[in-house]
């Protein structure tokens, strides 16, 4: 069963690693047209800051939904769809096995 979690989504954001040149002894000069290493660090730093801001502003859980479920359980109105739970567990197992 997949849970849509903005924190998990933000943490799984892929930051692409800068490609390295095949000739490690080459120098970067004004005429080479290559991006200096400090620009790459600045780009990665800004991506990291954006990720940190996303995480800081994202709730870990939906408090309203938790309160709603809690009140339904207390009043005896909460019901679990066992077929939906079982289907979700099977789908997660299939996805896990495919990833191996």
C-alpha atoms as a PDB file:
ATOM      1  CA  UNK A   1       0.000   0.000   0.000  1.00  0.00           C
ATOM      2  CA  UNK A   2       1.600   3.230  -1.105  1.00  0.00           C
ATOM      3  CA  UNK A   3       1.373   6.247   1.150  1.00  0.00           C
ATOM      4  CA  UNK A   4       1.812   9.611  -0.487  1.00  0.00           C
ATOM      5  CA  UNK A   5       4.243  11.370   1.785  1.00  0.00           C
ATOM      6  CA  UNK A   6       5.652  14.705   0.692  1.00  0.00           C
ATOM      7  CA  UNK A   7       8.650  14.214   2.935  1.00  0.00           C
ATOM      8  CA  UNK A   8       9.438  10.893   1.311  1.00  0.00           C
ATOM      9  CA  UNK A   9       8.971  12.423  -2.130  1.00  0.00           C
ATOM     10  CA  UNK A  10      11.294  15.290  -1.323  1.00  0.00           C
ATOM     11  CA  UNK A  11      13.953  12.983   0.057  1.00  0.00           C
ATOM     12  CA  UNK A  12      13.832  10.810  -3.044  1.00  0.00           C
ATOM     13  CA  UNK A  13      14.566  13.752  -5.315  1.00  0.00           C
ATOM     14  CA  UNK A  14      17.503  12.886  -7.517  1.00  0.00           C
ATOM     15  CA  UNK A  15      20.314  15.367  -7.764  1.00  0.00           C
ATOM     16  CA  UNK A  16      22.306  14.659 -10.860  1.00  0.00           C
ATOM     17  CA  UNK A  17      26.011  14.219 -10.368  1.00  0.00           C
ATOM     18  CA  UNK A  18      28.103  16.480 -12.584  1.00  0.00           C
ATOM     19  CA  UNK A  19      29.805  14.643 -15.405  1.00  0.00           C
ATOM     20  CA  UNK A  20      33.576  14.546 -15.424  1.00  0.00           C
ATOM     21  CA  UNK A  21      35.668  14.946 -18.470  1.00  0.00           C
ATOM     22  CA  UNK A  22      37.477  11.956 -19.943  1.00  0.00           C
ATOM     23  CA  UNK A  23      40.785  13.865 -19.766  1.00  0.00           C
ATOM     24  CA  UNK A  24      41.447  14.601 -16.076  1.00  0.00           C
ATOM     25  CA  UNK A  25      44.569  16.652 -16.830  1.00  0.00           C
ATOM     26  CA  UNK A  26      42.751  19.225 -18.952  1.00  0.00           C
ATOM     27  CA  UNK A  27      42.477  22.718 -17.533  1.00  0.00           C
ATOM     28  CA  UNK A  28      39.500  24.975 -17.642  1.00  0.00           C
ATOM     29  CA  UNK A  29      40.342  28.208 -19.333  1.00  0.00           C
ATOM     30  CA  UNK A  30      38.336  31.159 -20.509  1.00  0.00           C
ATOM     31  CA  UNK A  31      38.151  29.767 -24.047  1.00  0.00           C
ATOM     32  CA  UNK A  32      37.161  26.213 -23.094  1.00  0.00           C
ATOM     33  CA  UNK A  33      33.479  27.054 -22.550  1.00  0.00           C
ATOM     34  CA  UNK A  34      33.305  24.615 -19.602  1.00  0.00           C
ATOM     35  CA  UNK A  35      31.524  25.453 -16.376  1.00  0.00           C
ATOM     36  CA  UNK A  36      33.989  26.122 -13.557  1.00  0.00           C
ATOM     37  CA  UNK A  37      33.745  23.774 -10.549  1.00  0.00           C
ATOM     38  CA  UNK A  38      32.559  26.598  -8.284  1.00  0.00           C
ATOM     39  CA  UNK A  39      29.447  26.995 -10.467  1.00  0.00           C
ATOM     40  CA  UNK A  40      28.654  23.297 -10.023  1.00  0.00           C
ATOM     41  CA  UNK A  41      28.972  23.635  -6.251  1.00  0.00           C
ATOM     42  CA  UNK A  42      26.715  26.679  -6.287  1.00  0.00           C
ATOM     43  CA  UNK A  43      24.092  24.766  -8.292  1.00  0.00           C
ATOM     44  CA  UNK A  44      24.228  21.797  -5.918  1.00  0.00           C
ATOM     45  CA  UNK A  45      24.067  24.135  -2.944  1.00  0.00           C
ATOM     46  CA  UNK A  46      20.949  25.863  -4.262  1.00  0.00           C
ATOM     47  CA  UNK A  47      19.320  22.469  -4.940  1.00  0.00           C
ATOM     48  CA  UNK A  48      20.125  21.395  -1.381  1.00  0.00           C
ATOM     49  CA  UNK A  49      18.676  24.618   0.040  1.00  0.00           C
ATOM     50  CA  UNK A  50      15.479  24.134  -1.990  1.00  0.00           C
ATOM     51  CA  UNK A  51      15.189  20.554  -0.714  1.00  0.00           C
ATOM     52  CA  UNK A  52      15.696  21.702   2.879  1.00  0.00           C
ATOM     53  CA  UNK A  53      12.987  24.350   2.465  1.00  0.00           C
ATOM     54  CA  UNK A  54      10.588  21.748   1.054  1.00  0.00           C
ATOM     55  CA  UNK A  55      11.227  19.423   3.975  1.00  0.00           C
ATOM     56  CA  UNK A  56      10.918  22.201   6.546  1.00  0.00           C
ATOM     57  CA  UNK A  57       7.556  23.336   5.149  1.00  0.00           C
ATOM     58  CA  UNK A  58       6.080  19.837   4.727  1.00  0.00           C
ATOM     59  CA  UNK A  59       4.021  18.289   7.506  1.00  0.00           C
ATOM     60  CA  UNK A  60       5.147  14.840   8.545  1.00  0.00           C
ATOM     61  CA  UNK A  61       1.530  13.674   8.674  1.00  0.00           C
ATOM     62  CA  UNK A  62      -1.958  15.024   8.085  1.00  0.00           C
ATOM     63  CA  UNK A  63      -3.190  15.893  11.595  1.00  0.00           C
ATOM     64  CA  UNK A  64      -6.773  16.480  10.411  1.00  0.00           C
ATOM     65  CA  UNK A  65      -6.953  13.025   8.860  1.00  0.00           C
ATOM     66  CA  UNK A  66      -5.509  11.426  12.007  1.00  0.00           C
ATOM     67  CA  UNK A  67      -8.097  13.222  14.157  1.00  0.00           C
ATOM     68  CA  UNK A  68     -10.896  12.101  11.827  1.00  0.00           C
ATOM     69  CA  UNK A  69      -9.792   8.458  11.958  1.00  0.00           C
ATOM     70  CA  UNK A  70      -9.329   8.629  15.732  1.00  0.00           C
ATOM     71  CA  UNK A  71     -12.872   9.951  16.211  1.00  0.00           C
ATOM     72  CA  UNK A  72     -14.295   7.267  13.870  1.00  0.00           C
ATOM     73  CA  UNK A  73     -12.493   4.535  15.840  1.00  0.00           C
ATOM     74  CA  UNK A  74     -13.739   5.929  19.164  1.00  0.00           C
ATOM     75  CA  UNK A  75     -17.327   6.087  17.915  1.00  0.00           C
ATOM     76  CA  UNK A  76     -17.173   2.608  16.349  1.00  0.00           C
ATOM     77  CA  UNK A  77     -17.763   3.895  12.801  1.00  0.00           C
ATOM     78  CA  UNK A  78     -14.308   3.093  11.414  1.00  0.00           C
ATOM     79  CA  UNK A  79     -14.270   0.117   9.075  1.00  0.00           C
ATOM     80  CA  UNK A  80     -11.351  -1.485   7.294  1.00  0.00           C
ATOM     81  CA  UNK A  81     -11.719  -2.695   3.718  1.00  0.00           C
ATOM     82  CA  UNK A  82      -9.721  -5.921   4.051  1.00  0.00           C
ATOM     83  CA  UNK A  83      -9.713  -6.531   0.281  1.00  0.00           C
ATOM     84  CA  UNK A  84      -8.162  -3.129  -0.340  1.00  0.00           C
ATOM     85  CA  UNK A  85      -5.529  -3.727   2.365  1.00  0.00           C
ATOM     86  CA  UNK A  86      -4.716  -7.189   0.975  1.00  0.00           C
ATOM     87  CA  UNK A  87      -4.490  -5.854  -2.602  1.00  0.00           C
ATOM     88  CA  UNK A  88      -2.128  -3.129  -1.432  1.00  0.00           C
ATOM     89  CA  UNK A  89       0.080  -5.628   0.388  1.00  0.00           C
ATOM     90  CA  UNK A  90       0.239  -7.876  -2.679  1.00  0.00           C
ATOM     91  CA  UNK A  91       1.100  -4.919  -4.937  1.00  0.00           C
ATOM     92  CA  UNK A  92       3.867  -3.811  -2.557  1.00  0.00           C
ATOM     93  CA  UNK A  93       5.282  -7.344  -2.458  1.00  0.00           C
ATOM     94  CA  UNK A  94       5.255  -7.537  -6.262  1.00  0.00           C
ATOM     95  CA  UNK A  95       6.978  -4.145  -6.569  1.00  0.00           C
ATOM     96  CA  UNK A  96       9.566  -5.172  -3.974  1.00  0.00           C
ATOM     97  CA  UNK A  97      10.329  -8.455  -5.742  1.00  0.00           C
ATOM     98  CA  UNK A  98      10.611  -6.725  -9.132  1.00  0.00           C
ATOM     99  CA  UNK A  99      13.139  -4.256  -7.717  1.00  0.00           C
ATOM    100  CA  UNK A 100      15.495  -7.078  -6.688  1.00  0.00           C
END
